[in-house]
């Protein structure tokens, strides 16, 4: 008799109930807000730093396409 508790992660993407969608969207928004706040603080910390030409030495780069990431709920 073989007992296993291994979960097939490939099947987790198939969960489409409303609560899971709400939690996933909320987690994405929370992470995005935290990253934006950390970036704003970092840019503010170096806002007075200038190059020899008088340009801001630390600036925000462009935005990249959204990348997938795995959370606890998929």
Protein backbone atom coordinates (compact mmCIF):
# COMPACT_ATOMS: atom_id res chain seq x y z
CA UNK A 1 0.00 0.00 0.00
CA UNK A 2 1.46 3.34 -1.07
CA UNK A 3 0.47 6.60 0.61
CA UNK A 4 1.67 9.94 -0.69
CA UNK A 5 0.97 13.59 0.04
CA UNK A 6 2.58 15.00 -3.11
CA UNK A 7 0.42 17.67 -4.75
CA UNK A 8 0.52 18.11 -8.50
CA UNK A 9 1.08 21.87 -8.91
CA UNK A 10 0.04 21.77 -12.57
CA UNK A 11 -3.57 21.26 -11.49
CA UNK A 12 -3.59 24.29 -9.18
CA UNK A 13 -3.89 26.69 -12.14
CA UNK A 14 -7.26 25.16 -12.92
CA UNK A 15 -8.85 26.58 -9.76
CA UNK A 16 -11.22 29.32 -10.88
CA UNK A 17 -13.62 29.90 -8.02
CA UNK A 18 -14.44 33.49 -7.07
CA UNK A 19 -12.68 33.42 -3.69
CA UNK A 20 -9.40 32.17 -5.17
CA UNK A 21 -9.55 34.83 -7.89
CA UNK A 22 -10.19 37.50 -5.27
CA UNK A 23 -7.29 36.31 -3.11
CA UNK A 24 -4.93 36.07 -6.08
CA UNK A 25 -5.82 39.57 -7.29
CA UNK A 26 -5.49 40.99 -3.79
CA UNK A 27 -2.07 39.37 -3.34
CA UNK A 28 -0.87 40.79 -6.66
CA UNK A 29 -2.08 44.28 -5.73
CA UNK A 30 -0.47 44.06 -2.28
CA UNK A 31 2.90 43.04 -3.72
CA UNK A 32 2.72 45.75 -6.41
CA UNK A 33 1.90 48.41 -3.81
CA UNK A 34 4.75 47.28 -1.55
CA UNK A 35 7.26 47.35 -4.42
CA UNK A 36 6.10 50.80 -5.55
CA UNK A 37 6.39 52.15 -1.98
CA UNK A 38 9.89 50.72 -1.57
CA UNK A 39 10.95 52.20 -4.91
CA UNK A 40 9.52 55.62 -4.02
CA UNK A 41 11.48 55.59 -0.76
CA UNK A 42 14.67 54.57 -2.54
CA UNK A 43 14.29 57.31 -5.16
CA UNK A 44 13.55 59.89 -2.46
CA UNK A 45 16.67 58.85 -0.55
CA UNK A 46 18.86 59.72 -3.55
CA UNK A 47 16.80 62.56 -5.05
CA UNK A 48 19.48 65.19 -4.35
CA UNK A 49 22.32 63.13 -5.87
CA UNK A 50 23.40 64.64 -9.22
CA UNK A 51 25.90 63.78 -11.94
CA UNK A 52 28.64 66.18 -13.03
CA UNK A 53 26.31 67.32 -15.82
CA UNK A 54 23.60 68.20 -13.29
CA UNK A 55 21.25 65.32 -14.12
CA UNK A 56 19.65 63.12 -11.49
CA UNK A 57 22.05 60.25 -10.76
CA UNK A 58 19.36 57.79 -9.64
CA UNK A 59 16.28 57.59 -11.82
CA UNK A 60 13.50 55.13 -12.42
CA UNK A 61 13.98 52.86 -15.38
CA UNK A 62 11.15 51.85 -17.70
CA UNK A 63 8.56 49.18 -16.97
CA UNK A 64 8.90 45.59 -18.08
CA UNK A 65 6.04 43.26 -19.03
CA UNK A 66 4.25 41.53 -16.19
CA UNK A 67 6.05 38.37 -15.09
CA UNK A 68 4.28 35.36 -13.62
CA UNK A 69 5.06 34.39 -10.03
CA UNK A 70 3.88 31.55 -7.83
CA UNK A 71 2.04 32.32 -4.60
CA UNK A 72 0.66 29.95 -2.01
CA UNK A 73 -2.69 29.78 -3.79
CA UNK A 74 -1.30 29.47 -7.29
